C-alpha atoms as a PDB file:
ATOM      1  CA  MET A   1     -39.706 -42.415  20.012  1.00  0.00           C
ATOM      2  CA  LEU A   2     -36.544 -42.450  22.058  1.00  0.00           C
ATOM      3  CA  GLU A   3     -34.080 -43.196  19.303  1.00  0.00           C
ATOM      4  CA  PRO A   4     -32.427 -39.755  19.346  1.00  0.00           C
ATOM      5  CA  PHE A   5     -31.848 -40.207  23.096  1.00  0.00           C
ATOM      6  CA  TYR A   6     -30.238 -43.685  22.496  1.00  0.00           C
ATOM      7  CA  GLU A   7     -27.881 -42.080  19.901  1.00  0.00           C
ATOM      8  CA  TYR A   8     -27.023 -39.434  22.458  1.00  0.00           C
ATOM      9  CA  LEU A   9     -26.091 -42.154  24.955  1.00  0.00           C
ATOM     10  CA  ARG A  10     -24.123 -44.155  22.388  1.00  0.00           C
ATOM     11  CA  PHE A  11     -22.178 -41.348  20.660  1.00  0.00           C
ATOM     12  CA  GLU A  12     -21.876 -38.458  23.100  1.00  0.00           C
ATOM     13  CA  LYS A  13     -21.987 -40.363  26.438  1.00  0.00           C
ATOM     14  CA  ARG A  14     -20.233 -43.440  25.023  1.00  0.00           C
ATOM     15  CA  CYS A  15     -22.278 -45.719  27.084  1.00  0.00           C
ATOM     16  CA  SER A  16     -21.604 -49.500  26.678  1.00  0.00           C
ATOM     17  CA  GLU A  17     -24.076 -51.806  24.723  1.00  0.00           C
ATOM     18  CA  HIS A  18     -24.905 -53.212  28.099  1.00  0.00           C
ATOM     19  CA  THR A  19     -25.872 -49.915  29.492  1.00  0.00           C
ATOM     20  CA  LEU A  20     -27.921 -49.163  26.371  1.00  0.00           C
ATOM     21  CA  THR A  21     -29.801 -52.369  26.619  1.00  0.00           C
ATOM     22  CA  ALA A  22     -30.693 -51.767  30.244  1.00  0.00           C
ATOM     23  CA  TYR A  23     -31.804 -48.164  29.504  1.00  0.00           C
ATOM     24  CA  THR A  24     -33.974 -49.343  26.624  1.00  0.00           C
ATOM     25  CA  HIS A  25     -35.610 -52.024  28.693  1.00  0.00           C
ATOM     26  CA  ASP A  26     -36.273 -49.723  31.699  1.00  0.00           C
ATOM     27  CA  LEU A  27     -37.675 -46.815  29.650  1.00  0.00           C
ATOM     28  CA  GLU A  28     -39.828 -48.999  27.568  1.00  0.00           C
ATOM     29  CA  HIS A  29     -41.358 -50.387  30.690  1.00  0.00           C
ATOM     30  CA  PHE A  30     -42.049 -46.845  31.925  1.00  0.00           C
ATOM     31  CA  ILE A  31     -43.605 -45.794  28.480  1.00  0.00           C
ATOM     32  CA  ARG A  32     -45.934 -48.732  28.643  1.00  0.00           C
ATOM     33  CA  PHE A  33     -46.949 -47.863  32.249  1.00  0.00           C
ATOM     34  CA  ALA A  34     -47.581 -44.258  31.413  1.00  0.00           C
ATOM     35  CA  GLY A  35     -49.159 -44.880  28.061  1.00  0.00           C
ATOM     36  CA  LEU A  36     -46.959 -42.423  26.275  1.00  0.00           C
ATOM     37  CA  SER A  37     -47.005 -41.974  22.523  1.00  0.00           C
ATOM     38  CA  ASN A  38     -44.598 -39.074  21.888  1.00  0.00           C
ATOM     39  CA  LEU A  39     -41.910 -37.024  23.498  1.00  0.00           C
ATOM     40  CA  SER A  40     -44.007 -34.013  24.308  1.00  0.00           C
ATOM     41  CA  GLU A  41     -46.240 -36.096  26.761  1.00  0.00           C
ATOM     42  CA  PHE A  42     -43.170 -36.452  29.130  1.00  0.00           C
ATOM     43  CA  ASN A  43     -43.336 -32.779  29.992  1.00  0.00           C
ATOM     44  CA  ALA A  44     -46.912 -33.204  31.437  1.00  0.00           C
ATOM     45  CA  LEU A  45     -45.912 -35.936  33.965  1.00  0.00           C
ATOM     46  CA  LYS A  46     -45.983 -34.828  37.670  1.00  0.00           C
ATOM     47  CA  PRO A  47     -43.833 -36.137  40.586  1.00  0.00           C
ATOM     48  CA  VAL A  48     -46.767 -37.946  42.127  1.00  0.00           C
ATOM     49  CA  PHE A  49     -47.146 -40.037  38.883  1.00  0.00           C
ATOM     50  CA  ILE A  50     -43.497 -40.994  38.937  1.00  0.00           C
ATOM     51  CA  ARG A  51     -43.884 -41.921  42.646  1.00  0.00           C
ATOM     52  CA  GLY A  52     -46.794 -44.107  41.665  1.00  0.00           C
ATOM     53  CA  TRP A  53     -44.603 -46.000  39.117  1.00  0.00           C
ATOM     54  CA  MET A  54     -41.997 -46.540  41.780  1.00  0.00           C
ATOM     55  CA  VAL A  55     -44.542 -47.984  44.231  1.00  0.00           C
ATOM     56  CA  THR A  56     -46.017 -50.122  41.532  1.00  0.00           C
ATOM     57  CA  LEU A  57     -42.623 -51.579  40.786  1.00  0.00           C
ATOM     58  CA  LEU A  58     -41.958 -52.394  44.390  1.00  0.00           C
ATOM     59  CA  GLU A  59     -45.539 -54.097  44.579  1.00  0.00           C
ATOM     60  CA  GLU A  60     -44.601 -56.037  41.447  1.00  0.00           C
ATOM     61  CA  GLY A  61     -41.702 -57.597  43.134  1.00  0.00           C
ATOM     62  CA  TYR A  62     -38.827 -55.564  41.871  1.00  0.00           C
ATOM     63  CA  ASN A  63     -36.088 -55.153  44.395  1.00  0.00           C
ATOM     64  CA  ASN A  64     -34.854 -51.769  45.561  1.00  0.00           C
ATOM     65  CA  LYS A  65     -31.780 -51.958  43.391  1.00  0.00           C
ATOM     66  CA  SER A  66     -33.756 -52.593  40.292  1.00  0.00           C
ATOM     67  CA  VAL A  67     -36.178 -49.799  41.045  1.00  0.00           C
ATOM     68  CA  ASN A  68     -33.300 -47.317  41.564  1.00  0.00           C
ATOM     69  CA  ARG A  69     -31.828 -48.398  38.168  1.00  0.00           C
ATOM     70  CA  LYS A  70     -35.101 -47.687  36.493  1.00  0.00           C
ATOM     71  CA  MET A  71     -35.391 -44.301  38.177  1.00  0.00           C
ATOM     72  CA  ALA A  72     -31.741 -43.526  37.054  1.00  0.00           C
ATOM     73  CA  ALA A  73     -32.595 -44.173  33.448  1.00  0.00           C
ATOM     74  CA  LEU A  74     -35.701 -41.898  33.653  1.00  0.00           C
ATOM     75  CA  ARG A  75     -33.594 -39.208  35.387  1.00  0.00           C
ATOM     76  CA  THR A  76     -31.114 -39.270  32.564  1.00  0.00           C
ATOM     77  CA  LEU A  77     -33.715 -39.065  29.883  1.00  0.00           C
ATOM     78  CA  TYR A  78     -35.328 -36.032  31.632  1.00  0.00           C
ATOM     79  CA  LYS A  79     -31.965 -34.233  31.791  1.00  0.00           C
ATOM     80  CA  TRP A  80     -31.670 -34.858  27.950  1.00  0.00           C
ATOM     81  CA  LEU A  81     -35.167 -33.738  27.258  1.00  0.00           C
ATOM     82  CA  ILE A  82     -34.543 -30.448  29.122  1.00  0.00           C
ATOM     83  CA  LYS A  83     -31.228 -29.963  27.348  1.00  0.00           C
ATOM     84  CA  GLU A  84     -32.995 -30.500  24.021  1.00  0.00           C
ATOM     85  CA  GLY A  85     -35.843 -28.061  24.984  1.00  0.00           C
ATOM     86  CA  LYS A  86     -38.403 -30.883  24.841  1.00  0.00           C
ATOM     87  CA  ALA A  87     -39.248 -30.639  28.565  1.00  0.00           C
ATOM     88  CA  GLU A  88     -39.495 -27.758  30.978  1.00  0.00           C
ATOM     89  CA  HIS A  89     -38.939 -29.636  34.379  1.00  0.00           C
ATOM     90  CA  ASN A  90     -37.706 -32.806  35.830  1.00  0.00           C
ATOM     91  CA  PRO A  91     -40.281 -34.513  37.915  1.00  0.00           C
ATOM     92  CA  LEU A  92     -37.743 -36.726  39.449  1.00  0.00           C
ATOM     93  CA  SER A  93     -35.537 -33.904  40.751  1.00  0.00           C
ATOM     94  CA  ARG A  94     -36.751 -34.165  44.468  1.00  0.00           C
ATOM     95  CA  LEU A  95     -37.781 -37.811  44.332  1.00  0.00           C
ATOM     96  CA  ARG A  96     -35.650 -40.342  46.204  1.00  0.00           C
ATOM     97  CA  GLY A  97     -35.549 -43.982  45.313  1.00  0.00           C
ATOM     98  CA  PRO A  98     -35.820 -46.726  47.889  1.00  0.00           C
ATOM     99  CA  LYS A  99     -32.870 -47.329  50.153  1.00  0.00           C
ATOM    100  CA  ILE A 100     -30.433 -49.987  49.094  1.00  0.00           C
ATOM    101  CA  GLU A 101     -28.739 -52.198  51.726  1.00  0.00           C
ATOM    102  CA  LYS A 102     -25.024 -51.796  51.274  1.00  0.00           C
ATOM    103  CA  ARG A 103     -23.284 -55.104  50.992  1.00  0.00           C
ATOM    104  CA  LEU A 104     -19.562 -55.488  51.426  1.00  0.00           C
ATOM    105  CA  PRO A 105     -17.775 -56.845  48.335  1.00  0.00           C
ATOM    106  CA  SER A 106     -16.784 -60.541  48.707  1.00  0.00           C
ATOM    107  CA  PHE A 107     -13.124 -61.269  48.452  1.00  0.00           C
ATOM    108  CA  ALA A 108     -10.741 -64.230  48.919  1.00  0.00           C
ATOM    109  CA  ARG A 109      -8.121 -64.230  51.560  1.00  0.00           C
ATOM    110  CA  GLU A 110      -4.430 -63.813  50.622  1.00  0.00           C
ATOM    111  CA  GLN A 111      -3.471 -67.359  51.536  1.00  0.00           C
ATOM    112  CA  GLU A 112      -6.320 -68.880  49.471  1.00  0.00           C
ATOM    113  CA  LEU A 113      -4.747 -67.362  46.314  1.00  0.00           C
ATOM    114  CA  ALA A 114      -1.178 -67.959  47.217  1.00  0.00           C
ATOM    115  CA  ALA A 115       0.925 -69.287  44.252  1.00  0.00           C
ATOM    116  CA  PRO A 116       1.726 -72.641  45.792  1.00  0.00           C
ATOM    117  CA  ARG A 117      -1.976 -73.358  46.105  1.00  0.00           C
ATOM    118  CA  LEU A 118      -2.882 -72.159  42.689  1.00  0.00           C
ATOM    119  CA  ALA A 119      -0.160 -73.325  40.382  1.00  0.00           C
ATOM    120  CA  PRO A 120      -0.634 -77.121  41.039  1.00  0.00           C
ATOM    121  CA  MET A 121      -4.185 -76.810  39.752  1.00  0.00           C
ATOM    122  CA  PHE A 122      -3.178 -76.320  36.149  1.00  0.00           C
ATOM    123  CA  ASN A 123      -1.595 -78.524  33.475  1.00  0.00           C
ATOM    124  CA  ASP A 124       1.275 -77.274  31.419  1.00  0.00           C
ATOM    125  CA  ASP A 125      -0.751 -77.476  28.163  1.00  0.00           C
ATOM    126  CA  PHE A 126      -2.531 -74.686  26.303  1.00  0.00           C
ATOM    127  CA  GLU A 127      -5.818 -74.882  28.356  1.00  0.00           C
ATOM    128  CA  GLY A 128      -4.066 -75.220  31.698  1.00  0.00           C
ATOM    129  CA  THR A 129      -1.648 -72.269  30.978  1.00  0.00           C
ATOM    130  CA  ARG A 130      -4.566 -70.212  29.684  1.00  0.00           C
ATOM    131  CA  ASP A 131      -6.815 -70.898  32.711  1.00  0.00           C
ATOM    132  CA  GLU A 132      -4.017 -70.040  35.121  1.00  0.00           C
ATOM    133  CA  LEU A 133      -3.370 -66.855  33.229  1.00  0.00           C
ATOM    134  CA  LEU A 134      -7.065 -65.881  33.480  1.00  0.00           C
ATOM    135  CA  VAL A 135      -7.062 -66.044  37.283  1.00  0.00           C
ATOM    136  CA  GLU A 136      -3.572 -64.328  37.559  1.00  0.00           C
ATOM    137  CA  LEU A 137      -4.584 -61.402  35.309  1.00  0.00           C
ATOM    138  CA  LEU A 138      -7.852 -60.842  37.080  1.00  0.00           C
ATOM    139  CA  TYR A 139      -6.314 -61.062  40.580  1.00  0.00           C
ATOM    140  CA  GLN A 140      -3.017 -59.194  39.809  1.00  0.00           C
ATOM    141  CA  THR A 141      -4.529 -56.350  37.866  1.00  0.00           C
ATOM    142  CA  GLY A 142      -8.079 -56.004  39.154  1.00  0.00           C
ATOM    143  CA  MET A 143      -9.284 -55.504  35.590  1.00  0.00           C
ATOM    144  CA  ARG A 144     -13.056 -56.024  34.642  1.00  0.00           C
ATOM    145  CA  LEU A 145     -14.166 -59.149  32.829  1.00  0.00           C
ATOM    146  CA  SER A 146     -15.007 -57.107  29.637  1.00  0.00           C
ATOM    147  CA  GLU A 147     -11.544 -55.502  29.818  1.00  0.00           C
ATOM    148  CA  LEU A 148      -9.928 -58.938  30.007  1.00  0.00           C
ATOM    149  CA  ILE A 149     -11.814 -60.314  27.059  1.00  0.00           C
ATOM    150  CA  GLY A 150     -10.837 -57.218  24.986  1.00  0.00           C
ATOM    151  CA  LEU A 151      -7.151 -57.425  25.703  1.00  0.00           C
ATOM    152  CA  SER A 152      -4.953 -57.480  22.560  1.00  0.00           C
ATOM    153  CA  ILE A 153      -1.513 -58.837  22.389  1.00  0.00           C
ATOM    154  CA  HIS A 154      -0.323 -55.414  21.417  1.00  0.00           C
ATOM    155  CA  ASP A 155      -1.698 -54.234  24.953  1.00  0.00           C
ATOM    156  CA  VAL A 156       1.106 -56.332  26.651  1.00  0.00           C
ATOM    157  CA  GLN A 157       4.374 -54.704  27.482  1.00  0.00           C
ATOM    158  CA  SER A 158       7.137 -56.015  29.713  1.00  0.00           C
ATOM    159  CA  ASN A 159       6.026 -54.104  32.784  1.00  0.00           C
ATOM    160  CA  HIS A 160       2.480 -52.995  32.187  1.00  0.00           C
ATOM    161  CA  LEU A 161      -0.804 -53.708  30.325  1.00  0.00           C
ATOM    162  CA  LYS A 162      -2.855 -51.056  28.399  1.00  0.00           C
ATOM    163  CA  VAL A 163      -6.546 -51.562  29.294  1.00  0.00           C
ATOM    164  CA  LEU A 164      -9.563 -50.092  27.581  1.00  0.00           C
ATOM    165  CA  GLY A 165     -12.186 -49.422  30.229  1.00  0.00           C
ATOM    166  CA  LYS A 166     -15.570 -47.918  30.428  1.00  0.00           C
ATOM    167  CA  ARG A 167     -16.475 -45.122  27.984  1.00  0.00           C
ATOM    168  CA  ASN A 168     -13.178 -46.050  26.041  1.00  0.00           C
ATOM    169  CA  LYS A 169     -10.962 -44.709  28.615  1.00  0.00           C
ATOM    170  CA  GLU A 170      -7.424 -46.128  28.488  1.00  0.00           C
ATOM    171  CA  ARG A 171      -5.337 -46.873  31.584  1.00  0.00           C
ATOM    172  CA  LEU A 172      -2.037 -48.464  32.323  1.00  0.00           C
ATOM    173  CA  ILE A 173      -1.850 -51.278  34.852  1.00  0.00           C
ATOM    174  CA  PRO A 174       1.710 -52.343  36.154  1.00  0.00           C
ATOM    175  CA  ILE A 175       2.411 -56.030  36.170  1.00  0.00           C
ATOM    176  CA  ALA A 176       5.056 -58.056  37.957  1.00  0.00           C
ATOM    177  CA  PRO A 177       7.915 -59.813  36.159  1.00  0.00           C
ATOM    178  CA  GLU A 178       6.429 -63.165  37.084  1.00  0.00           C
ATOM    179  CA  LEU A 179       3.081 -62.271  35.464  1.00  0.00           C
ATOM    180  CA  ASN A 180       4.771 -61.159  32.294  1.00  0.00           C
ATOM    181  CA  ALA A 181       6.698 -64.445  32.252  1.00  0.00           C
ATOM    182  CA  LYS A 182       3.364 -66.312  32.426  1.00  0.00           C
ATOM    183  CA  ILE A 183       1.918 -64.217  29.516  1.00  0.00           C
ATOM    184  CA  GLN A 184       5.104 -64.971  27.449  1.00  0.00           C
ATOM    185  CA  ALA A 185       4.799 -68.668  28.134  1.00  0.00           C
ATOM    186  CA  TYR A 186       1.113 -68.565  27.231  1.00  0.00           C
ATOM    187  CA  LEU A 187       1.780 -66.597  23.941  1.00  0.00           C
ATOM    188  CA  ILE A 188       4.174 -69.506  22.783  1.00  0.00           C
ATOM    189  CA  LEU A 189       1.302 -71.949  23.179  1.00  0.00           C
ATOM    190  CA  ARG A 190      -1.165 -69.470  21.675  1.00  0.00           C
ATOM    191  CA  ALA A 191       0.818 -68.888  18.429  1.00  0.00           C
ATOM    192  CA  PRO A 192      -0.319 -71.957  16.392  1.00  0.00           C
ATOM    193  CA  ARG A 193      -3.985 -71.345  17.443  1.00  0.00           C
ATOM    194  CA  ALA A 194      -4.264 -67.616  16.688  1.00  0.00           C
ATOM    195  CA  LYS A 195      -3.780 -66.759  13.004  1.00  0.00           C
ATOM    196  CA  THR A 196      -6.639 -64.449  12.421  1.00  0.00           C
ATOM    197  CA  THR A 197      -7.090 -62.507  15.793  1.00  0.00           C
ATOM    198  CA  ARG A 198      -4.972 -60.196  17.850  1.00  0.00           C
ATOM    199  CA  LEU A 199      -6.984 -60.968  21.013  1.00  0.00           C
ATOM    200  CA  LEU A 200      -4.765 -62.120  23.850  1.00  0.00           C
ATOM    201  CA  ILE A 201      -6.871 -64.817  25.559  1.00  0.00           C
ATOM    202  CA  LEU A 202      -8.552 -67.358  23.371  1.00  0.00           C
ATOM    203  CA  ASN A 203     -10.885 -70.376  23.435  1.00  0.00           C
ATOM    204  CA  ASN A 204      -9.898 -72.880  20.847  1.00  0.00           C
ATOM    205  CA  GLY A 205      -8.587 -70.161  18.573  1.00  0.00           C
ATOM    206  CA  LYS A 206     -11.698 -67.992  18.999  1.00  0.00           C
ATOM    207  CA  PRO A 207     -12.467 -64.997  21.257  1.00  0.00           C
ATOM    208  CA  LEU A 208     -13.509 -65.447  24.783  1.00  0.00           C
ATOM    209  CA  TYR A 209     -17.050 -64.918  25.730  1.00  0.00           C
ATOM    210  CA  SER A 210     -18.206 -63.853  29.316  1.00  0.00           C
ATOM    211  CA  LEU A 211     -19.953 -67.066  30.298  1.00  0.00           C
ATOM    212  CA  PHE A 212     -16.877 -69.195  29.519  1.00  0.00           C
ATOM    213  CA  VAL A 213     -14.779 -67.154  31.747  1.00  0.00           C
ATOM    214  CA  TYR A 214     -17.406 -67.014  34.505  1.00  0.00           C
ATOM    215  CA  ARG A 215     -17.588 -70.843  34.540  1.00  0.00           C
ATOM    216  CA  LYS A 216     -13.781 -71.190  34.669  1.00  0.00           C
ATOM    217  CA  ILE A 217     -13.320 -68.683  37.489  1.00  0.00           C
ATOM    218  CA  HIS A 218     -16.409 -70.145  39.471  1.00  0.00           C
ATOM    219  CA  THR A 219     -14.911 -73.664  39.243  1.00  0.00           C
ATOM    220  CA  ILE A 220     -11.350 -72.596  40.236  1.00  0.00           C
ATOM    221  CA  LEU A 221     -12.446 -70.375  43.079  1.00  0.00           C
ATOM    222  CA  GLY A 222     -14.756 -73.203  44.374  1.00  0.00           C
ATOM    223  CA  SER A 223     -11.542 -75.266  44.845  1.00  0.00           C
ATOM    224  CA  LEU A 224      -9.703 -72.575  46.594  1.00  0.00           C
ATOM    225  CA  THR A 225     -12.203 -70.774  48.781  1.00  0.00           C
ATOM    226  CA  HIS A 226     -15.552 -71.178  50.634  1.00  0.00           C
ATOM    227  CA  LEU A 227     -17.022 -67.989  49.095  1.00  0.00           C
ATOM    228  CA  ASP A 228     -20.619 -68.070  48.013  1.00  0.00           C
ATOM    229  CA  LYS A 229     -19.887 -65.684  45.168  1.00  0.00           C
ATOM    230  CA  ARG A 230     -17.096 -66.949  42.966  1.00  0.00           C
ATOM    231  CA  SER A 231     -17.306 -64.635  39.854  1.00  0.00           C
ATOM    232  CA  PRO A 232     -14.527 -62.942  37.952  1.00  0.00           C
ATOM    233  CA  HIS A 233     -15.684 -59.757  39.689  1.00  0.00           C
ATOM    234  CA  VAL A 234     -14.761 -61.226  43.068  1.00  0.00           C
ATOM    235  CA  LEU A 235     -11.144 -61.256  41.974  1.00  0.00           C
ATOM    236  CA  ARG A 236     -11.406 -57.604  41.225  1.00  0.00           C
ATOM    237  CA  HIS A 237     -12.614 -57.050  44.665  1.00  0.00           C
ATOM    238  CA  THR A 238      -9.925 -59.307  46.050  1.00  0.00           C
ATOM    239  CA  PHE A 239      -7.256 -57.251  44.177  1.00  0.00           C
ATOM    240  CA  ALA A 240      -8.638 -53.963  45.579  1.00  0.00           C
ATOM    241  CA  THR A 241      -8.892 -55.283  49.116  1.00  0.00           C
ATOM    242  CA  HIS A 242      -5.476 -56.957  49.169  1.00  0.00           C
ATOM    243  CA  MET A 243      -3.835 -53.738  47.738  1.00  0.00           C
ATOM    244  CA  LEU A 244      -5.474 -51.491  50.436  1.00  0.00           C
ATOM    245  CA  ASN A 245      -4.408 -54.037  53.249  1.00  0.00           C
ATOM    246  CA  ASN A 246      -0.905 -53.894  52.102  1.00  0.00           C
ATOM    247  CA  GLY A 247      -0.544 -50.081  52.007  1.00  0.00           C
ATOM    248  CA  ALA A 248      -1.945 -48.860  48.730  1.00  0.00           C
ATOM    249  CA  GLY A 249      -3.596 -45.409  48.816  1.00  0.00           C
ATOM    250  CA  LEU A 250      -7.157 -44.762  47.709  1.00  0.00           C
ATOM    251  CA  GLU A 251      -6.080 -42.505  44.793  1.00  0.00           C
ATOM    252  CA  THR A 252      -3.714 -45.122  43.468  1.00  0.00           C
ATOM    253  CA  LEU A 253      -6.303 -47.822  43.709  1.00  0.00           C
ATOM    254  CA  LYS A 254      -8.859 -45.570  41.982  1.00  0.00           C
ATOM    255  CA  ALA A 255      -6.485 -45.138  39.079  1.00  0.00           C
ATOM    256  CA  LEU A 256      -5.648 -48.885  38.839  1.00  0.00           C
ATOM    257  CA  LEU A 257      -9.421 -49.933  38.948  1.00  0.00           C
ATOM    258  CA  GLY A 258     -10.375 -47.250  36.387  1.00  0.00           C
ATOM    259  CA  HIS A 259     -13.073 -45.720  38.737  1.00  0.00           C
ATOM    260  CA  ALA A 260     -14.546 -42.383  37.709  1.00  0.00           C
ATOM    261  CA  SER A 261     -14.793 -41.152  41.275  1.00  0.00           C
ATOM    262  CA  LEU A 262     -13.183 -41.883  44.556  1.00  0.00           C
ATOM    263  CA  ALA A 263     -16.580 -42.716  46.066  1.00  0.00           C
ATOM    264  CA  ALA A 264     -16.691 -45.969  44.060  1.00  0.00           C
ATOM    265  CA  THR A 265     -13.256 -46.965  45.482  1.00  0.00           C
ATOM    266  CA  GLN A 266     -13.991 -46.166  49.070  1.00  0.00           C
ATOM    267  CA  VAL A 267     -16.285 -49.184  49.468  1.00  0.00           C
ATOM    268  CA  TYR A 268     -13.111 -51.235  49.828  1.00  0.00           C
ATOM    269  CA  THR A 269     -12.118 -49.474  52.927  1.00  0.00           C
ATOM    270  CA  HIS A 270     -14.828 -51.214  54.752  1.00  0.00           C
ATOM    271  CA  ASN A 271     -13.262 -54.576  53.892  1.00  0.00           C
ATOM    272  CA  SER A 272      -9.905 -53.345  55.092  1.00  0.00           C
ATOM    273  CA  PHE A 273     -11.398 -52.111  58.428  1.00  0.00           C
ATOM    274  CA  ALA A 274     -13.092 -55.542  58.836  1.00  0.00           C
ATOM    275  CA  GLN A 275      -9.811 -57.243  58.599  1.00  0.00           C
ATOM    276  CA  LEU A 276      -8.079 -54.676  60.879  1.00  0.00           C
ATOM    277  CA  HIS A 277     -10.841 -55.356  63.442  1.00  0.00           C
ATOM    278  CA  GLN A 278     -10.465 -59.131  63.233  1.00  0.00           C
ATOM    279  CA  ILE A 279      -6.621 -58.709  63.696  1.00  0.00           C
ATOM    280  CA  TYR A 280      -7.313 -56.313  66.678  1.00  0.00           C
ATOM    281  CA  GLN A 281      -9.615 -58.807  68.290  1.00  0.00           C
ATOM    282  CA  HIS A 282      -6.887 -61.497  68.165  1.00  0.00           C
ATOM    283  CA  ALA A 283      -3.853 -59.366  68.997  1.00  0.00           C
ATOM    284  CA  HIS A 284      -4.996 -56.936  71.761  1.00  0.00           C
ATOM    285  CA  PRO A 285      -4.748 -58.334  75.424  1.00  0.00           C
ATOM    286  CA  ARG A 286      -8.052 -56.632  76.334  1.00  0.00           C
ATOM    287  CA  MET A 287      -9.907 -58.419  73.431  1.00  0.00           C
ATOM    288  CA  LYS A 288      -8.571 -61.864  74.260  1.00  0.00           C
ATOM    289  CA  ARG A 289     -10.915 -64.333  75.874  1.00  0.00           C
ATOM    290  CA  GLY A 290     -10.185 -66.967  78.512  1.00  0.00           C
END
């Protein structure tokens, strides 16, 4: 029933497979709840019915974030239905989802990821060189996990990386000479193992997969920090926070992270303020105790 909509998401909106899977799951859930059998029936639904679905989800134990994600999928569907002339109104236009508690992104401290602490953790063989490079690429560029996995050897230049982000948008990320040197050292060890692929980072000659990288980063950060969250995305948060703390502007950071809007980047200003407040507490005479 919704295949034309999914084709619209895939080819016109260029949504990722992850997004398509989430939309499919969420909308199928709604269709079962509403007992719909064809597209024309969407036009008959009233706001009160959609609100009832939202309440049911909350009663079933879905958290606020999950409910809002399902509502967002339904909103997108209705916009498409109206665009295609298959619906006359959007019953979600004035509905608000449940409030989501804003959580500040977790990040490591600069001294926790200092080179003298990090380098001794890795051997000089292929696996050690690769694992160190995984950390350095994520921390020094702020790229997403999917972007790291998709990096090609042809995306590497002496002073920058070409990254393919969400919706196939390319961006260039500068890299330091030290990081380029690490990449070149890794490429020498990679050569005998990579005869059929152009992907940069490999696992025994094969492409990386998300869980492999997650486990590596989780273990490494566990040895360096006391963070509860130790995912690859924490290194992206750490990159952004450290950049702001050291003088980078929001527009620059937005471009480096590949954000579509400045609002997504502004969340990191809270982390920066938290650090400034901590410094202020320790530095100002009026804040000192005893």
